[in-house]
Amino acid sequence: MVVRTRLRGILFPLMLYCVAGGIGSYFVWHAINGERGLKTNDEYERSITMLRGEYAAVQSERAQWQHRIDLMRGETIDRDLLEEEARVLLDRVHKNDLVVFLSPRR
């Protein structure tokens, strides 16, 4: 009888501590490695910074294309391009231009 009560007095608290430790370790593991854990949060932050970099690159490329499209529209005309096209169409030159005459090929 004495052995049984002494054994029960030792094993029940020991079992209670083991179960509580197991449950606690379960929650700690999921807090670190789980679906919304710390490691997942770091991965999300890395992917967000990578996507922001790609977004900035795409935005700059879009701005370049938008500038090129604006040059072709009639609303905003680049004066240098307009002058160059006018000279080509009218066969005229500016007084400061250098003209090189080439002999026609035979």
N, C-alpha and C. Protein backbone atom coordinates (compact mmCIF):
# COMPACT_ATOMS: atom_id res chain seq x y z
N MET A 1 0.80 -1.19 0.00
CA MET A 1 0.00 0.00 0.00
C MET A 1 0.85 1.27 0.00
N VAL A 2 1.84 1.26 0.83
CA VAL A 2 2.70 2.43 0.94
C VAL A 2 3.44 2.65 -0.38
N VAL A 3 3.86 1.58 -1.02
CA VAL A 3 4.59 1.69 -2.28
C VAL A 3 3.66 2.25 -3.37
N ARG A 4 2.43 1.78 -3.35
CA ARG A 4 1.48 2.21 -4.36
C ARG A 4 1.17 3.70 -4.22
N THR A 5 0.96 4.21 -3.06
CA THR A 5 0.66 5.63 -2.86
C THR A 5 1.90 6.48 -3.14
N ARG A 6 3.07 5.97 -2.77
CA ARG A 6 4.29 6.73 -3.05
C ARG A 6 4.53 6.78 -4.57
N LEU A 7 4.32 5.63 -5.25
CA LEU A 7 4.48 5.58 -6.70
C LEU A 7 3.46 6.48 -7.40
N ARG A 8 2.24 6.46 -6.91
CA ARG A 8 1.19 7.32 -7.45
C ARG A 8 1.53 8.79 -7.20
N GLY A 9 2.10 9.11 -6.08
CA GLY A 9 2.48 10.49 -5.74
C GLY A 9 3.62 10.99 -6.62
N ILE A 10 4.43 10.10 -7.16
CA ILE A 10 5.53 10.51 -8.02
C ILE A 10 5.12 10.48 -9.49
N LEU A 11 4.42 9.44 -9.92
CA LEU A 11 4.10 9.28 -11.33
C LEU A 11 3.04 10.25 -11.84
N PHE A 12 2.02 10.55 -11.05
CA PHE A 12 0.98 11.47 -11.52
C PHE A 12 1.50 12.88 -11.77
N PRO A 13 2.25 13.47 -10.86
CA PRO A 13 2.81 14.80 -11.18
C PRO A 13 3.81 14.74 -12.35
N LEU A 14 4.59 13.66 -12.42
CA LEU A 14 5.53 13.51 -13.52
C LEU A 14 4.80 13.40 -14.85
N MET A 15 3.71 12.64 -14.88
CA MET A 15 2.91 12.51 -16.09
C MET A 15 2.23 13.84 -16.43
N LEU A 16 1.77 14.56 -15.43
CA LEU A 16 1.15 15.85 -15.66
C LEU A 16 2.16 16.83 -16.26
N TYR A 17 3.39 16.86 -15.77
CA TYR A 17 4.43 17.74 -16.31
C TYR A 17 4.79 17.34 -17.76
N CYS A 18 4.83 16.04 -18.03
CA CYS A 18 5.14 15.58 -19.39
C CYS A 18 4.04 15.99 -20.37
N VAL A 19 2.79 15.82 -19.98
CA VAL A 19 1.68 16.20 -20.86
C VAL A 19 1.68 17.71 -21.06
N ALA A 20 1.88 18.49 -19.99
CA ALA A 20 1.91 19.95 -20.11
C ALA A 20 3.10 20.39 -20.98
N GLY A 21 4.23 19.74 -20.83
CA GLY A 21 5.39 20.06 -21.66
C GLY A 21 5.16 19.71 -23.11
N GLY A 22 4.50 18.60 -23.37
CA GLY A 22 4.18 18.21 -24.74
C GLY A 22 3.23 19.20 -25.40
N ILE A 23 2.21 19.60 -24.66
CA ILE A 23 1.26 20.58 -25.21
C ILE A 23 1.95 21.91 -25.44
N GLY A 24 2.78 22.34 -24.50
CA GLY A 24 3.51 23.59 -24.66
C GLY A 24 4.47 23.55 -25.84
N SER A 25 5.19 22.43 -26.00
CA SER A 25 6.12 22.31 -27.12
C SER A 25 5.36 22.26 -28.45
N TYR A 26 4.17 21.68 -28.46
CA TYR A 26 3.35 21.67 -29.66
C TYR A 26 3.02 23.09 -30.10
N PHE A 27 2.59 23.92 -29.17
CA PHE A 27 2.24 25.30 -29.50
C PHE A 27 3.46 26.13 -29.88
N VAL A 28 4.59 25.89 -29.24
CA VAL A 28 5.81 26.61 -29.58
C VAL A 28 6.27 26.23 -30.98
N TRP A 29 6.22 24.94 -31.30
CA TRP A 29 6.63 24.49 -32.64
C TRP A 29 5.76 25.15 -33.71
N HIS A 30 4.44 25.20 -33.48
CA HIS A 30 3.55 25.81 -34.47
C HIS A 30 3.71 27.32 -34.51
N ALA A 31 4.12 27.94 -33.41
CA ALA A 31 4.35 29.38 -33.43
C ALA A 31 5.57 29.72 -34.28
N ILE A 32 6.53 28.81 -34.37
CA ILE A 32 7.74 29.05 -35.16
C ILE A 32 7.58 28.54 -36.58
N ASN A 33 7.13 27.31 -36.76
CA ASN A 33 7.11 26.66 -38.07
C ASN A 33 5.74 26.54 -38.71
N GLY A 34 4.71 26.98 -38.05
CA GLY A 34 3.35 26.76 -38.54
C GLY A 34 2.98 27.61 -39.73
N GLU A 35 1.73 27.53 -40.10
CA GLU A 35 1.21 28.24 -41.26
C GLU A 35 1.33 29.75 -41.11
N ARG A 36 1.22 30.24 -39.89
CA ARG A 36 1.36 31.68 -39.62
C ARG A 36 2.50 31.93 -38.65
N GLY A 37 3.50 31.10 -38.72
CA GLY A 37 4.62 31.19 -37.79
C GLY A 37 5.65 32.23 -38.19
N LEU A 38 6.72 32.27 -37.40
CA LEU A 38 7.77 33.26 -37.62
C LEU A 38 8.54 33.01 -38.90
N LYS A 39 8.83 31.75 -39.22
CA LYS A 39 9.56 31.44 -40.45
C LYS A 39 8.73 31.79 -41.68
N THR A 40 7.45 31.53 -41.62
CA THR A 40 6.57 31.86 -42.74
C THR A 40 6.49 33.37 -42.92
N ASN A 41 6.48 34.09 -41.82
CA ASN A 41 6.46 35.55 -41.89
C ASN A 41 7.72 36.08 -42.56
N ASP A 42 8.88 35.50 -42.24
CA ASP A 42 10.13 35.91 -42.89
C ASP A 42 10.09 35.61 -44.39
N GLU A 43 9.55 34.46 -44.77
CA GLU A 43 9.43 34.13 -46.19
C GLU A 43 8.51 35.11 -46.91
N TYR A 44 7.41 35.49 -46.26
CA TYR A 44 6.51 36.47 -46.85
C TYR A 44 7.21 37.82 -47.02
N GLU A 45 7.98 38.23 -46.05
CA GLU A 45 8.70 39.50 -46.15
C GLU A 45 9.70 39.47 -47.29
N ARG A 46 10.43 38.35 -47.45
CA ARG A 46 11.37 38.22 -48.56
C ARG A 46 10.66 38.28 -49.91
N SER A 47 9.54 37.59 -50.01
CA SER A 47 8.82 37.60 -51.29
C SER A 47 8.22 38.97 -51.56
N ILE A 48 7.81 39.68 -50.52
CA ILE A 48 7.26 41.03 -50.71
C ILE A 48 8.34 41.96 -51.22
N THR A 49 9.54 41.91 -50.65
CA THR A 49 10.62 42.79 -51.13
C THR A 49 11.02 42.44 -52.56
N MET A 50 11.03 41.15 -52.89
CA MET A 50 11.36 40.75 -54.25
C MET A 50 10.30 41.26 -55.23
N LEU A 51 9.04 41.13 -54.87
CA LEU A 51 7.96 41.58 -55.75
C LEU A 51 7.93 43.10 -55.86
N ARG A 52 8.30 43.80 -54.80
CA ARG A 52 8.37 45.27 -54.89
C ARG A 52 9.47 45.69 -55.85
N GLY A 53 10.59 44.97 -55.84
CA GLY A 53 11.65 45.27 -56.80
C GLY A 53 11.21 45.03 -58.23
N GLU A 54 10.52 43.92 -58.46
CA GLU A 54 9.99 43.65 -59.79
C GLU A 54 8.96 44.70 -60.20
N TYR A 55 8.15 45.12 -59.25
CA TYR A 55 7.14 46.13 -59.53
C TYR A 55 7.79 47.45 -59.93
N ALA A 56 8.85 47.83 -59.25
CA ALA A 56 9.55 49.07 -59.59
C ALA A 56 10.17 48.98 -60.98
N ALA A 57 10.72 47.81 -61.32
CA ALA A 57 11.30 47.63 -62.66
C ALA A 57 10.22 47.71 -63.72
N VAL A 58 9.09 47.11 -63.48
CA VAL A 58 7.99 47.15 -64.45
C VAL A 58 7.44 48.57 -64.57
N GLN A 59 7.36 49.28 -63.46
CA GLN A 59 6.88 50.66 -63.51
C GLN A 59 7.81 51.55 -64.32
N SER A 60 9.13 51.37 -64.16
CA SER A 60 10.07 52.18 -64.94
C SER A 60 10.00 51.83 -66.42
N GLU A 61 9.84 50.54 -66.73
CA GLU A 61 9.69 50.14 -68.13
C GLU A 61 8.41 50.71 -68.72
N ARG A 62 7.35 50.71 -67.93
CA ARG A 62 6.08 51.26 -68.39
C ARG A 62 6.21 52.76 -68.63
N ALA A 63 6.94 53.46 -67.77
CA ALA A 63 7.14 54.90 -67.96
C ALA A 63 7.92 55.17 -69.24
N GLN A 64 8.91 54.33 -69.54
CA GLN A 64 9.66 54.49 -70.78
C GLN A 64 8.76 54.29 -72.00
N TRP A 65 7.95 53.24 -71.95
CA TRP A 65 7.04 52.99 -73.08
C TRP A 65 6.01 54.11 -73.20
N GLN A 66 5.52 54.60 -72.07
CA GLN A 66 4.55 55.68 -72.11
C GLN A 66 5.16 56.94 -72.71
N HIS A 67 6.42 57.20 -72.40
CA HIS A 67 7.10 58.34 -72.99
C HIS A 67 7.24 58.18 -74.50
N ARG A 68 7.58 56.99 -74.95
CA ARG A 68 7.71 56.75 -76.38
C ARG A 68 6.36 56.87 -77.09
N ILE A 69 5.30 56.42 -76.45
CA ILE A 69 3.96 56.54 -77.03
C ILE A 69 3.54 58.00 -77.08
N ASP A 70 3.85 58.74 -76.02
CA ASP A 70 3.50 60.16 -76.01
C ASP A 70 4.22 60.93 -77.11
N LEU A 71 5.43 60.50 -77.46
CA LEU A 71 6.14 61.16 -78.54
C LEU A 71 5.45 60.96 -79.88
N MET A 72 4.75 59.85 -80.05
CA MET A 72 4.08 59.57 -81.31
C MET A 72 2.70 60.22 -81.40
N ARG A 73 2.14 60.61 -80.29
CA ARG A 73 0.82 61.25 -80.32
C ARG A 73 0.94 62.70 -80.75
N GLY A 74 -0.13 63.25 -81.22
CA GLY A 74 -0.14 64.62 -81.66
C GLY A 74 -0.23 65.62 -80.51
N GLU A 75 -0.60 65.15 -79.33
CA GLU A 75 -0.78 66.06 -78.20
C GLU A 75 0.54 66.63 -77.71
N THR A 76 1.55 65.78 -77.65
CA THR A 76 2.86 66.24 -77.20
C THR A 76 3.87 65.86 -78.27
N ILE A 77 4.43 66.86 -78.92
CA ILE A 77 5.36 66.61 -80.02
C ILE A 77 6.74 67.06 -79.57
N ASP A 78 7.71 66.22 -79.76
CA ASP A 78 9.09 66.58 -79.48
C ASP A 78 9.59 67.48 -80.59
N ARG A 79 10.06 68.66 -80.25
CA ARG A 79 10.45 69.65 -81.27
C ARG A 79 11.62 69.16 -82.12
N ASP A 80 12.55 68.46 -81.52
CA ASP A 80 13.69 67.96 -82.29
C ASP A 80 13.25 66.94 -83.34
N LEU A 81 12.37 66.03 -82.93
CA LEU A 81 11.88 65.04 -83.90
C LEU A 81 11.05 65.70 -84.99
N LEU A 82 10.26 66.69 -84.61
CA LEU A 82 9.45 67.40 -85.60
C LEU A 82 10.33 68.12 -86.61
N GLU A 83 11.36 68.78 -86.12
CA GLU A 83 12.27 69.49 -87.01
C GLU A 83 13.01 68.53 -87.94
N GLU A 84 13.43 67.41 -87.41
CA GLU A 84 14.14 66.42 -88.23
C GLU A 84 13.23 65.87 -89.31
N GLU A 85 12.01 65.53 -88.97
CA GLU A 85 11.07 65.02 -89.96
C GLU A 85 10.74 66.07 -91.02
N ALA A 86 10.60 67.32 -90.60
CA ALA A 86 10.31 68.39 -91.56
C ALA A 86 11.46 68.57 -92.54
N ARG A 87 12.68 68.51 -92.07
CA ARG A 87 13.84 68.64 -92.95
C ARG A 87 13.90 67.49 -93.95
N VAL A 88 13.59 66.30 -93.50
CA VAL A 88 13.63 65.14 -94.40
C VAL A 88 12.54 65.27 -95.46
N LEU A 89 11.34 65.65 -95.06
CA LEU A 89 10.23 65.76 -96.01
C LEU A 89 10.41 66.91 -96.99
N LEU A 90 10.95 68.03 -96.54
CA LEU A 90 11.09 69.20 -97.40
C LEU A 90 12.44 69.27 -98.11
N ASP A 91 13.32 68.35 -97.83
CA ASP A 91 14.67 68.35 -98.39
C ASP A 91 15.40 69.67 -98.14
N ARG A 92 15.32 70.12 -96.92
CA ARG A 92 15.99 71.36 -96.52
C ARG A 92 17.04 71.03 -95.46
N VAL A 93 17.98 71.94 -95.29
CA VAL A 93 19.01 71.78 -94.26
C VAL A 93 19.11 73.07 -93.48
N HIS A 94 19.62 72.95 -92.28
CA HIS A 94 19.86 74.11 -91.44
C HIS A 94 21.21 74.69 -91.81
N LYS A 95 21.42 75.98 -91.57
CA LYS A 95 22.67 76.61 -91.98
C LYS A 95 23.87 76.05 -91.21
N ASN A 96 23.67 75.45 -90.06
CA ASN A 96 24.77 74.89 -89.27
C ASN A 96 24.97 73.40 -89.50
N ASP A 97 24.17 72.79 -90.36
CA ASP A 97 24.30 71.35 -90.63
C ASP A 97 25.47 71.08 -91.56
N LEU A 98 26.09 69.94 -91.37
CA LEU A 98 27.16 69.50 -92.25
C LEU A 98 26.56 68.52 -93.25
N VAL A 99 26.74 68.82 -94.53
CA VAL A 99 26.16 67.99 -95.59
C VAL A 99 27.30 67.31 -96.32
N VAL A 100 27.19 66.01 -96.50
CA VAL A 100 28.20 65.24 -97.22
C VAL A 100 27.52 64.67 -98.46
N PHE A 101 28.06 65.04 -99.61
CA PHE A 101 27.51 64.53 -100.86
C PHE A 101 28.25 63.28 -101.26
N LEU A 102 27.53 62.24 -101.55
CA LEU A 102 28.12 60.97 -101.97
C LEU A 102 27.81 60.77 -103.44
N SER A 103 28.79 60.26 -104.16
CA SER A 103 28.57 59.97 -105.58
C SER A 103 27.69 58.74 -105.70
N PRO A 104 26.80 58.72 -106.68
CA PRO A 104 25.93 57.56 -106.83
C PRO A 104 26.74 56.34 -107.27
N ARG A 105 26.35 55.21 -106.84
CA ARG A 105 27.03 53.96 -107.20
C ARG A 105 26.72 53.60 -108.64
N ARG A 106 27.70 53.02 -109.31
CA ARG A 106 27.51 52.62 -110.71
C ARG A 106 27.16 51.19 -110.81
